[in-house]
Amino acid sequence: VANSGGYRGAGKSTNYERTVSVISIATFREITQIDVDLNLHRIKTDSRGDLWVSSRSDYRDSPSRLYFIDHRKQAVTDTIDLPVSNFAITGDSLYLIGMGELAQRADYFSIVNTATREVVNSGFITDGTDKGLETPYGITVHTETRDIYITDAGDYINPGYLYRFNREGKKIWSVQTGDIPAHFVFLPKNINMSPL
């Protein structure tokens, strides 16, 4: 469990939590805590069973980052110094989207090799579409086609957008969604989705 401490308001870093709780499946009790950073957000596992955790930090003095937790050592053993809003892992590739500090807005669309823990691509959208995204918010990657899906929450009030890119980072299509689109599910082609 990535512990954030809840919403405390920007800049009040003394109230944020900074640990990952390791929970026993058998007892559903906390076994231990792993110290990471302030205001943890996303947590996902890679193909080797290691954990990747993003921190939103305090929005002021300390930047957002991505942390690697070695599951055998149960400790942070590497840090990727990029702001992370969300990420998806497919194979040995971790696709991340992030926004820099609000005052110096810069979007990040990077790929990290989870085996080497190195940034291998610092701009996976290659056709310029990234310049038109207002608030990159959700991301997933299709495990078979490697097509990349990104949602744009826009201004958080009006409908957002869903974008589909091919594995080379070129836009295939986009469609307007409801407000703050964030989550995805892929269904097999043979599932009947018609009404009862």
N, C-alpha and C. Protein backbone atom coordinates (compact mmCIF):
# COMPACT_ATOMS: atom_id res chain seq x y z
N VAL A 1 0.84 -1.17 0.00
CA VAL A 1 0.00 0.00 0.00
C VAL A 1 0.89 1.23 0.00
N ALA A 2 0.67 2.14 -0.96
CA ALA A 2 1.40 3.40 -1.00
C ALA A 2 0.64 4.40 -0.13
N ASN A 3 1.24 4.83 0.96
CA ASN A 3 0.59 5.74 1.91
C ASN A 3 0.91 7.19 1.57
N SER A 4 -0.13 8.01 1.46
CA SER A 4 0.08 9.42 1.13
C SER A 4 -0.14 10.32 2.34
N GLY A 5 -0.94 9.86 3.29
CA GLY A 5 -1.31 10.71 4.42
C GLY A 5 -2.57 11.49 4.14
N GLY A 6 -3.16 11.28 2.97
CA GLY A 6 -4.39 11.98 2.62
C GLY A 6 -4.10 13.37 2.09
N TYR A 7 -5.14 14.05 1.68
CA TYR A 7 -4.98 15.40 1.15
C TYR A 7 -4.74 16.36 2.30
N ARG A 8 -3.60 17.02 2.27
CA ARG A 8 -3.23 17.94 3.35
C ARG A 8 -3.10 19.37 2.86
N GLY A 9 -3.25 19.60 1.58
CA GLY A 9 -3.05 20.93 1.04
C GLY A 9 -1.62 21.13 0.61
N ALA A 10 -1.44 21.82 -0.48
CA ALA A 10 -0.10 22.00 -1.05
C ALA A 10 0.85 22.68 -0.08
N GLY A 11 2.03 22.12 0.04
CA GLY A 11 3.09 22.75 0.80
C GLY A 11 3.17 22.40 2.27
N LYS A 12 2.23 21.63 2.81
CA LYS A 12 2.27 21.28 4.23
C LYS A 12 2.91 19.90 4.40
N SER A 13 4.20 19.82 4.13
CA SER A 13 4.89 18.54 4.07
C SER A 13 4.96 17.81 5.40
N THR A 14 4.76 18.50 6.52
CA THR A 14 4.85 17.83 7.82
C THR A 14 3.71 16.85 8.03
N ASN A 15 2.62 16.99 7.29
CA ASN A 15 1.47 16.11 7.47
C ASN A 15 1.44 14.92 6.53
N TYR A 16 2.32 14.89 5.55
CA TYR A 16 2.29 13.80 4.58
C TYR A 16 2.92 12.53 5.13
N GLU A 17 2.40 11.40 4.71
CA GLU A 17 2.96 10.08 5.00
C GLU A 17 4.06 9.82 3.97
N ARG A 18 4.94 8.84 4.20
CA ARG A 18 6.06 8.60 3.28
C ARG A 18 6.44 7.13 3.16
N THR A 19 5.53 6.24 3.48
CA THR A 19 5.90 4.83 3.50
C THR A 19 5.02 3.96 2.59
N VAL A 20 5.58 2.81 2.23
CA VAL A 20 4.82 1.73 1.61
C VAL A 20 4.61 0.68 2.69
N SER A 21 3.37 0.28 2.89
CA SER A 21 3.06 -0.77 3.86
C SER A 21 3.07 -2.12 3.16
N VAL A 22 3.80 -3.07 3.73
CA VAL A 22 3.82 -4.45 3.23
C VAL A 22 2.77 -5.22 4.02
N ILE A 23 1.80 -5.79 3.32
CA ILE A 23 0.65 -6.45 3.96
C ILE A 23 0.74 -7.96 3.73
N SER A 24 0.50 -8.73 4.78
CA SER A 24 0.42 -10.19 4.67
C SER A 24 -0.91 -10.57 4.05
N ILE A 25 -0.87 -11.36 2.98
CA ILE A 25 -2.11 -11.82 2.35
C ILE A 25 -2.86 -12.76 3.29
N ALA A 26 -2.14 -13.57 4.05
CA ALA A 26 -2.76 -14.55 4.95
C ALA A 26 -3.51 -13.89 6.09
N THR A 27 -2.93 -12.85 6.69
CA THR A 27 -3.55 -12.23 7.87
C THR A 27 -4.16 -10.87 7.58
N PHE A 28 -3.85 -10.31 6.43
CA PHE A 28 -4.27 -8.97 6.04
C PHE A 28 -3.83 -7.92 7.07
N ARG A 29 -2.65 -8.14 7.63
CA ARG A 29 -2.06 -7.20 8.58
C ARG A 29 -0.73 -6.68 8.03
N GLU A 30 -0.39 -5.48 8.46
CA GLU A 30 0.87 -4.88 8.05
C GLU A 30 2.04 -5.65 8.66
N ILE A 31 3.00 -6.04 7.81
CA ILE A 31 4.19 -6.75 8.27
C ILE A 31 5.30 -5.75 8.58
N THR A 32 5.47 -4.80 7.66
CA THR A 32 6.53 -3.79 7.82
C THR A 32 6.20 -2.58 6.97
N GLN A 33 6.99 -1.52 7.14
CA GLN A 33 6.88 -0.33 6.31
C GLN A 33 8.22 -0.07 5.64
N ILE A 34 8.16 0.42 4.40
CA ILE A 34 9.36 0.79 3.66
C ILE A 34 9.34 2.30 3.46
N ASP A 35 10.37 2.98 3.94
CA ASP A 35 10.45 4.44 3.80
C ASP A 35 10.76 4.79 2.34
N VAL A 36 9.98 5.72 1.77
CA VAL A 36 10.17 6.08 0.36
C VAL A 36 10.33 7.59 0.22
N ASP A 37 9.24 8.33 0.26
CA ASP A 37 9.24 9.79 0.09
C ASP A 37 7.87 10.31 0.48
N LEU A 38 7.71 11.62 0.47
CA LEU A 38 6.45 12.25 0.84
C LEU A 38 5.34 11.97 -0.16
N ASN A 39 4.12 11.81 0.34
CA ASN A 39 2.91 11.86 -0.46
C ASN A 39 2.92 10.87 -1.63
N LEU A 40 3.03 9.60 -1.31
CA LEU A 40 3.08 8.57 -2.35
C LEU A 40 1.76 8.51 -3.10
N HIS A 41 1.84 8.11 -4.38
CA HIS A 41 0.66 8.18 -5.23
C HIS A 41 0.35 6.84 -5.90
N ARG A 42 1.15 6.42 -6.86
CA ARG A 42 0.90 5.19 -7.61
C ARG A 42 1.90 4.12 -7.20
N ILE A 43 1.46 2.85 -7.27
CA ILE A 43 2.36 1.72 -6.99
C ILE A 43 2.00 0.58 -7.93
N LYS A 44 3.01 0.04 -8.60
CA LYS A 44 2.79 -1.06 -9.55
C LYS A 44 3.98 -2.00 -9.49
N THR A 45 3.75 -3.23 -9.91
CA THR A 45 4.81 -4.24 -9.92
C THR A 45 5.27 -4.50 -11.34
N ASP A 46 6.56 -4.85 -11.48
CA ASP A 46 7.07 -5.20 -12.80
C ASP A 46 7.13 -6.72 -12.96
N SER A 47 7.68 -7.19 -14.06
CA SER A 47 7.69 -8.63 -14.36
C SER A 47 8.57 -9.44 -13.42
N ARG A 48 9.45 -8.79 -12.67
CA ARG A 48 10.32 -9.49 -11.71
C ARG A 48 9.78 -9.43 -10.28
N GLY A 49 8.62 -8.81 -10.10
CA GLY A 49 8.03 -8.71 -8.77
C GLY A 49 8.53 -7.52 -7.97
N ASP A 50 9.33 -6.66 -8.60
CA ASP A 50 9.79 -5.45 -7.92
C ASP A 50 8.73 -4.37 -8.04
N LEU A 51 8.80 -3.38 -7.16
CA LEU A 51 7.78 -2.33 -7.11
C LEU A 51 8.30 -1.01 -7.65
N TRP A 52 7.42 -0.29 -8.29
CA TRP A 52 7.67 1.07 -8.75
C TRP A 52 6.63 1.95 -8.08
N VAL A 53 7.08 3.02 -7.43
CA VAL A 53 6.20 3.89 -6.65
C VAL A 53 6.46 5.34 -7.04
N SER A 54 5.38 6.08 -7.27
CA SER A 54 5.55 7.51 -7.56
C SER A 54 5.19 8.32 -6.33
N SER A 55 5.89 9.44 -6.21
CA SER A 55 5.63 10.38 -5.12
C SER A 55 5.19 11.70 -5.73
N ARG A 56 4.15 12.29 -5.16
CA ARG A 56 3.75 13.63 -5.58
C ARG A 56 4.50 14.68 -4.77
N SER A 57 5.15 14.24 -3.71
CA SER A 57 5.92 15.10 -2.82
C SER A 57 5.05 16.20 -2.23
N ASP A 58 5.64 17.37 -1.94
CA ASP A 58 4.87 18.40 -1.24
C ASP A 58 4.40 19.53 -2.16
N TYR A 59 4.57 19.39 -3.45
CA TYR A 59 4.15 20.37 -4.45
C TYR A 59 4.89 21.70 -4.32
N ARG A 60 5.92 21.77 -3.51
CA ARG A 60 6.59 23.05 -3.28
C ARG A 60 8.10 22.90 -3.28
N ASP A 61 8.64 22.34 -2.21
CA ASP A 61 10.09 22.30 -2.03
C ASP A 61 10.74 21.03 -2.56
N SER A 62 9.98 19.99 -2.69
CA SER A 62 10.53 18.69 -3.07
C SER A 62 9.80 18.19 -4.32
N PRO A 63 10.52 17.80 -5.37
CA PRO A 63 9.85 17.40 -6.62
C PRO A 63 9.27 15.99 -6.58
N SER A 64 8.31 15.77 -7.47
CA SER A 64 7.76 14.43 -7.70
C SER A 64 8.86 13.56 -8.31
N ARG A 65 8.84 12.26 -7.94
CA ARG A 65 9.85 11.33 -8.46
C ARG A 65 9.25 9.94 -8.58
N LEU A 66 10.02 9.05 -9.22
CA LEU A 66 9.66 7.65 -9.34
C LEU A 66 10.70 6.83 -8.61
N TYR A 67 10.25 5.88 -7.78
CA TYR A 67 11.16 5.09 -6.95
C TYR A 67 11.05 3.61 -7.29
N PHE A 68 12.19 2.93 -7.22
CA PHE A 68 12.26 1.49 -7.45
C PHE A 68 12.50 0.81 -6.10
N ILE A 69 11.62 -0.14 -5.75
CA ILE A 69 11.77 -0.91 -4.52
C ILE A 69 12.12 -2.34 -4.89
N ASP A 70 13.31 -2.78 -4.47
CA ASP A 70 13.74 -4.16 -4.68
C ASP A 70 12.94 -5.04 -3.73
N HIS A 71 12.17 -6.00 -4.27
CA HIS A 71 11.28 -6.79 -3.41
C HIS A 71 12.05 -7.72 -2.47
N ARG A 72 13.28 -8.10 -2.83
CA ARG A 72 14.05 -8.96 -1.93
C ARG A 72 14.62 -8.16 -0.75
N LYS A 73 15.13 -6.98 -1.05
CA LYS A 73 15.71 -6.13 0.00
C LYS A 73 14.64 -5.35 0.77
N GLN A 74 13.47 -5.23 0.18
CA GLN A 74 12.38 -4.43 0.73
C GLN A 74 12.87 -3.03 1.09
N ALA A 75 13.52 -2.42 0.09
CA ALA A 75 14.07 -1.07 0.26
C ALA A 75 14.14 -0.38 -1.10
N VAL A 76 14.11 0.95 -1.06
CA VAL A 76 14.33 1.74 -2.27
C VAL A 76 15.79 1.61 -2.66
N THR A 77 16.04 1.17 -3.89
CA THR A 77 17.42 1.03 -4.35
C THR A 77 17.72 1.87 -5.58
N ASP A 78 16.71 2.58 -6.10
CA ASP A 78 16.96 3.45 -7.25
C ASP A 78 15.87 4.51 -7.32
N THR A 79 16.22 5.64 -7.94
CA THR A 79 15.30 6.76 -8.10
C THR A 79 15.41 7.29 -9.52
N ILE A 80 14.26 7.57 -10.13
CA ILE A 80 14.22 8.21 -11.44
C ILE A 80 13.76 9.64 -11.19
N ASP A 81 14.60 10.60 -11.52
CA ASP A 81 14.30 12.01 -11.22
C ASP A 81 13.45 12.65 -12.31
N LEU A 82 12.23 12.17 -12.44
CA LEU A 82 11.25 12.75 -13.35
C LEU A 82 9.94 12.89 -12.60
N PRO A 83 9.18 13.97 -12.86
CA PRO A 83 7.86 14.08 -12.25
C PRO A 83 6.93 13.03 -12.86
N VAL A 84 6.13 12.39 -12.02
CA VAL A 84 5.26 11.31 -12.49
C VAL A 84 3.83 11.56 -12.03
N SER A 85 2.93 11.71 -12.99
CA SER A 85 1.50 11.79 -12.68
C SER A 85 0.88 10.40 -12.69
N ASN A 86 1.31 9.59 -13.66
CA ASN A 86 0.77 8.25 -13.79
C ASN A 86 1.75 7.43 -14.63
N PHE A 87 1.63 6.10 -14.54
CA PHE A 87 2.49 5.25 -15.34
C PHE A 87 1.86 3.89 -15.56
N ALA A 88 2.34 3.22 -16.60
CA ALA A 88 1.87 1.87 -16.94
C ALA A 88 3.09 1.03 -17.26
N ILE A 89 3.04 -0.24 -16.86
CA ILE A 89 4.15 -1.16 -17.13
C ILE A 89 3.68 -2.27 -18.05
N THR A 90 4.41 -2.46 -19.14
CA THR A 90 4.16 -3.55 -20.09
C THR A 90 5.50 -4.16 -20.44
N GLY A 91 5.65 -5.46 -20.19
CA GLY A 91 6.94 -6.10 -20.41
C GLY A 91 7.99 -5.45 -19.53
N ASP A 92 9.12 -5.07 -20.12
CA ASP A 92 10.18 -4.38 -19.38
C ASP A 92 10.14 -2.88 -19.59
N SER A 93 9.01 -2.36 -20.05
CA SER A 93 8.89 -0.93 -20.31
C SER A 93 7.88 -0.29 -19.36
N LEU A 94 8.32 0.78 -18.71
CA LEU A 94 7.46 1.59 -17.86
C LEU A 94 7.23 2.90 -18.60
N TYR A 95 5.99 3.14 -19.01
CA TYR A 95 5.62 4.36 -19.73
C TYR A 95 5.10 5.35 -18.69
N LEU A 96 5.70 6.53 -18.62
CA LEU A 96 5.24 7.50 -17.63
C LEU A 96 4.82 8.80 -18.27
N ILE A 97 3.81 9.40 -17.65
CA ILE A 97 3.42 10.76 -18.00
C ILE A 97 3.58 11.59 -16.75
N GLY A 98 3.99 12.82 -16.93
CA GLY A 98 4.17 13.69 -15.78
C GLY A 98 4.15 15.14 -16.18
N MET A 99 3.87 15.97 -15.20
CA MET A 99 3.89 17.41 -15.41
C MET A 99 4.87 18.00 -14.41
N GLY A 100 5.70 18.92 -14.89
CA GLY A 100 6.62 19.62 -14.01
C GLY A 100 5.88 20.60 -13.13
N GLU A 101 6.62 21.38 -12.39
CA GLU A 101 6.02 22.37 -11.50
C GLU A 101 5.10 23.29 -12.30
N LEU A 102 4.01 23.72 -11.66
CA LEU A 102 3.02 24.53 -12.35
C LEU A 102 3.60 25.81 -12.91
N ALA A 103 4.55 26.43 -12.20
CA ALA A 103 5.14 27.68 -12.66
C ALA A 103 5.99 27.50 -13.91
N GLN A 104 6.59 26.34 -14.07
CA GLN A 104 7.44 26.06 -15.23
C GLN A 104 6.92 24.80 -15.91
N ARG A 105 5.71 24.86 -16.41
CA ARG A 105 5.02 23.71 -16.97
C ARG A 105 5.84 23.02 -18.04
N ALA A 106 6.11 21.78 -17.83
CA ALA A 106 6.75 20.94 -18.84
C ALA A 106 6.16 19.55 -18.71
N ASP A 107 5.72 18.99 -19.81
CA ASP A 107 5.16 17.64 -19.79
C ASP A 107 6.25 16.63 -20.09
N TYR A 108 6.10 15.46 -19.51
CA TYR A 108 7.06 14.39 -19.71
C TYR A 108 6.33 13.15 -20.19
N PHE A 109 6.83 12.55 -21.24
CA PHE A 109 6.31 11.31 -21.79
C PHE A 109 7.52 10.41 -22.00
N SER A 110 7.88 9.67 -20.98
CA SER A 110 9.14 8.93 -20.99
C SER A 110 8.91 7.43 -20.85
N ILE A 111 9.91 6.66 -21.27
CA ILE A 111 9.90 5.21 -21.09
C ILE A 111 11.14 4.84 -20.28
N VAL A 112 10.92 4.06 -19.22
CA VAL A 112 12.00 3.56 -18.37
C VAL A 112 12.10 2.05 -18.59
N ASN A 113 13.31 1.55 -18.80
CA ASN A 113 13.53 0.11 -18.88
C ASN A 113 13.54 -0.41 -17.44
N THR A 114 12.59 -1.27 -17.09
CA THR A 114 12.48 -1.73 -15.70
C THR A 114 13.59 -2.69 -15.31
N ALA A 115 14.25 -3.30 -16.28
CA ALA A 115 15.36 -4.22 -15.98
C ALA A 115 16.64 -3.44 -15.65
N THR A 116 16.91 -2.38 -16.43
CA THR A 116 18.13 -1.60 -16.22
C THR A 116 17.89 -0.35 -15.37
N ARG A 117 16.62 0.02 -15.21
CA ARG A 117 16.21 1.20 -14.47
C ARG A 117 16.79 2.49 -15.08
N GLU A 118 16.81 2.52 -16.40
CA GLU A 118 17.30 3.69 -17.12
C GLU A 118 16.19 4.27 -18.00
N VAL A 119 16.19 5.59 -18.15
CA VAL A 119 15.27 6.24 -19.08
C VAL A 119 15.79 5.96 -20.49
N VAL A 120 14.99 5.26 -21.28
CA VAL A 120 15.43 4.88 -22.63
C VAL A 120 14.76 5.72 -23.72
N ASN A 121 13.73 6.48 -23.34
CA ASN A 121 13.04 7.34 -24.29
C ASN A 121 12.46 8.50 -23.49
N SER A 122 12.82 9.72 -23.85
CA SER A 122 12.32 10.87 -23.10
C SER A 122 11.28 11.66 -23.87
N GLY A 123 10.67 11.04 -24.86
CA GLY A 123 9.59 11.69 -25.60
C GLY A 123 8.91 10.70 -26.52
N PHE A 124 8.11 9.79 -25.95
CA PHE A 124 7.56 8.71 -26.77
C PHE A 124 6.44 9.15 -27.70
N ILE A 125 5.86 10.34 -27.51
CA ILE A 125 4.92 10.87 -28.50
C ILE A 125 5.77 11.62 -29.52
N THR A 126 5.78 11.14 -30.74
CA THR A 126 6.74 11.63 -31.73
C THR A 126 6.15 12.54 -32.81
N ASP A 127 4.82 12.72 -32.82
CA ASP A 127 4.21 13.49 -33.91
C ASP A 127 3.80 14.91 -33.50
N GLY A 128 4.16 15.34 -32.30
CA GLY A 128 3.82 16.69 -31.85
C GLY A 128 2.49 16.80 -31.13
N THR A 129 1.72 15.72 -31.08
CA THR A 129 0.41 15.75 -30.41
C THR A 129 0.55 16.13 -28.94
N ASP A 130 1.67 15.77 -28.32
CA ASP A 130 1.87 16.06 -26.90
C ASP A 130 1.76 17.55 -26.59
N LYS A 131 2.10 18.41 -27.55
CA LYS A 131 2.04 19.87 -27.33
C LYS A 131 0.60 20.34 -27.11
N GLY A 132 -0.38 19.58 -27.62
CA GLY A 132 -1.77 19.97 -27.49
C GLY A 132 -2.49 19.39 -26.29
N LEU A 133 -1.83 18.53 -25.54
CA LEU A 133 -2.46 17.95 -24.35
C LEU A 133 -2.40 18.96 -23.21
N GLU A 134 -3.54 19.18 -22.56
CA GLU A 134 -3.59 20.16 -21.48
C GLU A 134 -3.17 19.56 -20.14
N THR A 135 -3.75 18.42 -19.78
CA THR A 135 -3.44 17.78 -18.50
C THR A 135 -3.38 16.27 -18.69
N PRO A 136 -2.24 15.74 -19.15
CA PRO A 136 -2.12 14.28 -19.28
C PRO A 136 -2.43 13.62 -17.94
N TYR A 137 -3.34 12.63 -17.95
CA TYR A 137 -3.88 12.16 -16.67
C TYR A 137 -3.82 10.65 -16.49
N GLY A 138 -4.26 9.90 -17.48
CA GLY A 138 -4.26 8.44 -17.39
C GLY A 138 -3.45 7.85 -18.52
N ILE A 139 -2.90 6.65 -18.30
CA ILE A 139 -2.11 5.99 -19.33
C ILE A 139 -2.23 4.48 -19.19
N THR A 140 -2.29 3.80 -20.32
CA THR A 140 -2.17 2.35 -20.36
C THR A 140 -1.54 1.98 -21.70
N VAL A 141 -1.00 0.78 -21.77
CA VAL A 141 -0.38 0.29 -22.99
C VAL A 141 -0.96 -1.10 -23.27
N HIS A 142 -1.44 -1.31 -24.49
CA HIS A 142 -1.99 -2.61 -24.86
C HIS A 142 -0.85 -3.62 -24.92
N THR A 143 -1.00 -4.73 -24.23
CA THR A 143 0.10 -5.69 -24.11
C THR A 143 0.46 -6.37 -25.42
N GLU A 144 -0.49 -6.50 -26.35
CA GLU A 144 -0.21 -7.17 -27.62
C GLU A 144 0.26 -6.20 -28.70
N THR A 145 -0.47 -5.11 -28.90
CA THR A 145 -0.14 -4.18 -29.98
C THR A 145 0.90 -3.15 -29.56
N ARG A 146 1.05 -2.93 -28.27
CA ARG A 146 1.90 -1.86 -27.70
C ARG A 146 1.38 -0.47 -28.05
N ASP A 147 0.11 -0.38 -28.48
CA ASP A 147 -0.49 0.93 -28.67
C ASP A 147 -0.60 1.59 -27.30
N ILE A 148 -0.41 2.91 -27.28
CA ILE A 148 -0.39 3.68 -26.04
C ILE A 148 -1.67 4.51 -25.97
N TYR A 149 -2.35 4.45 -24.85
CA TYR A 149 -3.58 5.20 -24.63
C TYR A 149 -3.34 6.21 -23.52
N ILE A 150 -3.64 7.48 -23.80
CA ILE A 150 -3.44 8.55 -22.82
C ILE A 150 -4.72 9.35 -22.71
N THR A 151 -5.11 9.67 -21.49
CA THR A 151 -6.26 10.55 -21.30
C THR A 151 -5.76 11.94 -20.94
N ASP A 152 -6.57 12.93 -21.32
CA ASP A 152 -6.29 14.33 -21.02
C ASP A 152 -7.47 14.86 -20.21
N ALA A 153 -7.21 15.24 -18.96
CA ALA A 153 -8.28 15.73 -18.08
C ALA A 153 -8.62 17.19 -18.36
N GLY A 154 -7.86 17.85 -19.21
CA GLY A 154 -8.16 19.24 -19.56
C GLY A 154 -8.14 20.15 -18.35
N ASP A 155 -9.26 20.85 -18.13
CA ASP A 155 -9.35 21.79 -17.00
C ASP A 155 -10.06 21.18 -15.79
N TYR A 156 -10.29 19.88 -15.79
CA TYR A 156 -10.96 19.15 -14.72
C TYR A 156 -12.44 19.52 -14.56
N ILE A 157 -12.98 20.33 -15.45
CA ILE A 157 -14.39 20.74 -15.37
C ILE A 157 -15.15 20.27 -16.60
N ASN A 158 -14.57 20.49 -17.76
CA ASN A 158 -15.20 20.13 -19.03
C ASN A 158 -14.77 18.73 -19.46
N PRO A 159 -15.47 18.14 -20.42
CA PRO A 159 -15.08 16.81 -20.89
C PRO A 159 -13.62 16.75 -21.32
N GLY A 160 -13.02 15.59 -21.10
CA GLY A 160 -11.63 15.38 -21.48
C GLY A 160 -11.54 14.63 -22.80
N TYR A 161 -10.35 14.05 -23.04
CA TYR A 161 -10.11 13.32 -24.28
C TYR A 161 -9.32 12.05 -24.02
N LEU A 162 -9.54 11.08 -24.88
CA LEU A 162 -8.75 9.85 -24.91
C LEU A 162 -8.00 9.83 -26.23
N TYR A 163 -6.69 9.59 -26.16
CA TYR A 163 -5.83 9.52 -27.34
C TYR A 163 -5.26 8.12 -27.47
N ARG A 164 -5.17 7.66 -28.71
CA ARG A 164 -4.52 6.38 -28.99
C ARG A 164 -3.33 6.65 -29.91
N PHE A 165 -2.16 6.16 -29.50
CA PHE A 165 -0.93 6.29 -30.28
C PHE A 165 -0.42 4.90 -30.63
N ASN A 166 0.23 4.77 -31.78
CA ASN A 166 0.86 3.49 -32.09
C ASN A 166 2.18 3.38 -31.34
N ARG A 167 2.83 2.25 -31.43
CA ARG A 167 4.07 2.02 -30.67
C ARG A 167 5.19 2.97 -31.07
N GLU A 168 5.07 3.61 -32.24
CA GLU A 168 6.06 4.60 -32.67
C GLU A 168 5.73 6.00 -32.16
N GLY A 169 4.62 6.14 -31.42
CA GLY A 169 4.26 7.43 -30.84
C GLY A 169 3.50 8.36 -31.75
N LYS A 170 2.87 7.80 -32.79
CA LYS A 170 2.07 8.61 -33.71
C LYS A 170 0.59 8.41 -33.40
N LYS A 171 -0.15 9.53 -33.39
CA LYS A 171 -1.57 9.48 -33.05
C LYS A 171 -2.35 8.69 -34.08
N ILE A 172 -3.18 7.76 -33.59
CA ILE A 172 -4.09 6.98 -34.44
C ILE A 172 -5.46 7.65 -34.44
N TRP A 173 -5.95 8.00 -33.27
CA TRP A 173 -7.22 8.70 -33.14
C TRP A 173 -7.34 9.33 -31.76
N SER A 174 -8.35 10.19 -31.62
CA SER A 174 -8.71 10.74 -30.31
C SER A 174 -10.23 10.86 -30.27
N VAL A 175 -10.77 10.86 -29.06
CA VAL A 175 -12.22 10.96 -28.89
C VAL A 175 -12.51 11.72 -27.59
N GLN A 176 -13.57 12.52 -27.62
CA GLN A 176 -13.97 13.23 -26.41
C GLN A 176 -14.59 12.23 -25.43
N THR A 177 -14.32 12.44 -24.13
CA THR A 177 -14.83 11.56 -23.08
C THR A 177 -15.67 12.38 -22.10
N GLY A 178 -15.98 11.80 -20.97
CA GLY A 178 -16.58 12.54 -19.88
C GLY A 178 -15.50 13.32 -19.13
N ASP A 179 -15.87 13.88 -18.01
CA ASP A 179 -14.93 14.67 -17.21
C ASP A 179 -13.86 13.78 -16.59
N ILE A 180 -12.64 14.26 -16.57
CA ILE A 180 -11.49 13.65 -15.91
C ILE A 180 -11.34 12.16 -16.23
N PRO A 181 -11.15 11.81 -17.50
CA PRO A 181 -10.98 10.39 -17.85
C PRO A 181 -9.67 9.86 -17.28
N ALA A 182 -9.72 8.65 -16.71
CA ALA A 182 -8.53 8.17 -16.01
C ALA A 182 -8.24 6.69 -16.16
N HIS A 183 -9.24 5.85 -16.30
CA HIS A 183 -9.03 4.41 -16.19
C HIS A 183 -9.42 3.68 -17.47
N PHE A 184 -8.85 2.48 -17.64
CA PHE A 184 -9.00 1.73 -18.88
C PHE A 184 -9.29 0.27 -18.58
N VAL A 185 -9.94 -0.39 -19.54
CA VAL A 185 -10.07 -1.84 -19.51
C VAL A 185 -10.12 -2.32 -20.96
N PHE A 186 -9.40 -3.38 -21.26
CA PHE A 186 -9.44 -3.99 -22.59
C PHE A 186 -10.28 -5.25 -22.51
N LEU A 187 -11.23 -5.39 -23.43
CA LEU A 187 -12.09 -6.56 -23.49
C LEU A 187 -11.74 -7.39 -24.72
N PRO A 188 -11.83 -8.70 -24.62
CA PRO A 188 -11.60 -9.54 -25.81
C PRO A 188 -12.63 -9.23 -26.89
N LYS A 189 -12.26 -9.41 -28.14
CA LYS A 189 -13.16 -9.10 -29.25
C LYS A 189 -14.42 -9.95 -29.24
N ASN A 190 -14.35 -11.15 -28.68
CA ASN A 190 -15.50 -12.05 -28.73
C ASN A 190 -16.51 -11.83 -27.61
N ILE A 191 -16.33 -10.81 -26.78
CA ILE A 191 -17.30 -10.54 -25.72
C ILE A 191 -18.48 -9.78 -26.32
N ASN A 192 -19.68 -10.24 -26.03
CA ASN A 192 -20.89 -9.59 -26.50
C ASN A 192 -21.26 -8.49 -25.52
N MET A 193 -21.20 -7.25 -25.97
CA MET A 193 -21.51 -6.11 -25.11
C MET A 193 -22.90 -5.54 -25.40
N SER A 194 -23.74 -6.29 -26.11
CA SER A 194 -25.08 -5.78 -26.41
C SER A 194 -25.94 -5.83 -25.15
N PRO A 195 -26.94 -4.93 -25.07
CA PRO A 195 -27.83 -4.93 -23.89
C PRO A 195 -28.57 -6.25 -23.75
N LEU A 196 -28.96 -6.58 -22.54
CA LEU A 196 -29.69 -7.83 -22.27
C LEU A 196 -31.03 -7.87 -22.94
